[in-house]
Amino acid sequence: MLIDILYLLGGLVVGLIIGFFVARHFLMKELKKNPPINEEMIKTLMRGMGRTPNQKQVNQLMKQMSKFN
């Protein structure tokens, strides 16, 4: 009886660990395919704040955003 409970708990822990890494892999793959923010979004955001963005500013912001990924 005790050994069955240990098998159950061991299987649960192993399943959680494998599930975590599989989910992480798919999430990273999806984020690379569809990045959360792109240049057009940055330009729209800056226009909304009343600034006219030039390409240098947009590139700097994209570089900063990629550091956090």
C-alpha atoms as a PDB file:
ATOM      1  CA  MET A   1       0.000   0.000   0.000  1.00  0.00           C
ATOM      2  CA  LEU A   2       2.742   2.465   0.946  1.00  0.00           C
ATOM      3  CA  ILE A   3       4.795   1.568  -2.104  1.00  0.00           C
ATOM      4  CA  ASP A   4       1.787   2.300  -4.350  1.00  0.00           C
ATOM      5  CA  ILE A   5       1.440   5.776  -2.868  1.00  0.00           C
ATOM      6  CA  LEU A   6       5.157   6.411  -3.408  1.00  0.00           C
ATOM      7  CA  TYR A   7       4.860   5.277  -7.040  1.00  0.00           C
ATOM      8  CA  LEU A   8       1.896   7.601  -7.484  1.00  0.00           C
ATOM      9  CA  LEU A   9       3.732  10.578  -5.978  1.00  0.00           C
ATOM     10  CA  GLY A  10       6.888   9.822  -7.975  1.00  0.00           C
ATOM     11  CA  GLY A  11       4.913   9.611 -11.197  1.00  0.00           C
ATOM     12  CA  LEU A  12       3.157  12.861 -10.382  1.00  0.00           C
ATOM     13  CA  VAL A  13       6.438  14.687  -9.735  1.00  0.00           C
ATOM     14  CA  VAL A  14       8.056  13.323 -12.900  1.00  0.00           C
ATOM     15  CA  GLY A  15       4.949  14.239 -14.908  1.00  0.00           C
ATOM     16  CA  LEU A  16       4.957  17.782 -13.557  1.00  0.00           C
ATOM     17  CA  ILE A  17       8.635  18.249 -14.393  1.00  0.00           C
ATOM     18  CA  ILE A  18       8.238  16.899 -17.930  1.00  0.00           C
ATOM     19  CA  GLY A  19       5.063  18.945 -18.429  1.00  0.00           C
ATOM     20  CA  PHE A  20       6.827  22.115 -17.330  1.00  0.00           C
ATOM     21  CA  PHE A  21       9.661  21.687 -19.823  1.00  0.00           C
ATOM     22  CA  VAL A  22       7.339  20.729 -22.684  1.00  0.00           C
ATOM     23  CA  ALA A  23       5.100  23.758 -22.017  1.00  0.00           C
ATOM     24  CA  ARG A  24       8.152  26.027 -21.764  1.00  0.00           C
ATOM     25  CA  HIS A  25       9.464  24.732 -25.090  1.00  0.00           C
ATOM     26  CA  PHE A  26       6.175  25.398 -26.886  1.00  0.00           C
ATOM     27  CA  LEU A  27       5.822  28.847 -25.322  1.00  0.00           C
ATOM     28  CA  MET A  28       9.334  29.896 -26.377  1.00  0.00           C
ATOM     29  CA  LYS A  29       8.704  28.575 -29.887  1.00  0.00           C
ATOM     30  CA  GLU A  30       5.447  30.531 -30.122  1.00  0.00           C
ATOM     31  CA  LEU A  31       7.067  33.744 -28.847  1.00  0.00           C
ATOM     32  CA  LYS A  32       9.819  33.477 -31.466  1.00  0.00           C
ATOM     33  CA  LYS A  33       7.254  32.956 -34.209  1.00  0.00           C
ATOM     34  CA  ASN A  34       4.939  35.754 -32.974  1.00  0.00           C
ATOM     35  CA  PRO A  35       6.893  38.337 -31.001  1.00  0.00           C
ATOM     36  CA  PRO A  36       4.792  40.292 -28.532  1.00  0.00           C
ATOM     37  CA  ILE A  37       5.785  43.700 -29.933  1.00  0.00           C
ATOM     38  CA  ASN A  38       7.041  44.834 -33.317  1.00  0.00           C
ATOM     39  CA  GLU A  39       8.263  48.049 -34.918  1.00  0.00           C
ATOM     40  CA  GLU A  40       4.819  49.154 -36.065  1.00  0.00           C
ATOM     41  CA  MET A  41       3.459  48.820 -32.524  1.00  0.00           C
ATOM     42  CA  ILE A  42       6.335  50.929 -31.183  1.00  0.00           C
ATOM     43  CA  LYS A  43       5.714  53.625 -33.795  1.00  0.00           C
ATOM     44  CA  THR A  44       2.004  53.699 -32.955  1.00  0.00           C
ATOM     45  CA  LEU A  45       2.762  53.893 -29.246  1.00  0.00           C
ATOM     46  CA  MET A  46       5.189  56.793 -29.717  1.00  0.00           C
ATOM     47  CA  ARG A  47       2.698  58.655 -31.939  1.00  0.00           C
ATOM     48  CA  GLY A  48       0.090  58.156 -29.226  1.00  0.00           C
ATOM     49  CA  MET A  49       2.439  59.847 -26.751  1.00  0.00           C
ATOM     50  CA  GLY A  50       2.781  62.820 -29.102  1.00  0.00           C
ATOM     51  CA  ARG A  51       6.257  61.990 -30.449  1.00  0.00           C
ATOM     52  CA  THR A  52       7.190  61.450 -34.059  1.00  0.00           C
ATOM     53  CA  PRO A  53       9.530  58.462 -34.040  1.00  0.00           C
ATOM     54  CA  ASN A  54      12.477  58.138 -36.380  1.00  0.00           C
ATOM     55  CA  GLN A  55      13.968  54.788 -37.345  1.00  0.00           C
ATOM     56  CA  LYS A  56      16.948  55.167 -35.010  1.00  0.00           C
ATOM     57  CA  GLN A  57      14.664  55.532 -31.974  1.00  0.00           C
ATOM     58  CA  VAL A  58      12.586  52.553 -33.058  1.00  0.00           C
ATOM     59  CA  ASN A  59      15.714  50.422 -33.521  1.00  0.00           C
ATOM     60  CA  GLN A  60      17.007  51.403 -30.062  1.00  0.00           C
ATOM     61  CA  LEU A  61      13.698  50.458 -28.471  1.00  0.00           C
ATOM     62  CA  MET A  62      13.586  47.131 -30.329  1.00  0.00           C
ATOM     63  CA  LYS A  63      17.132  46.390 -29.154  1.00  0.00           C
ATOM     64  CA  GLN A  64      16.170  47.142 -25.552  1.00  0.00           C
ATOM     65  CA  MET A  65      13.083  44.940 -25.828  1.00  0.00           C
ATOM     66  CA  SER A  66      15.106  42.035 -27.208  1.00  0.00           C
ATOM     67  CA  LYS A  67      17.429  42.177 -24.186  1.00  0.00           C
ATOM     68  CA  PHE A  68      14.515  41.276 -21.929  1.00  0.00           C
ATOM     69  CA  ASN A  69      13.588  38.152 -23.939  1.00  0.00           C
END
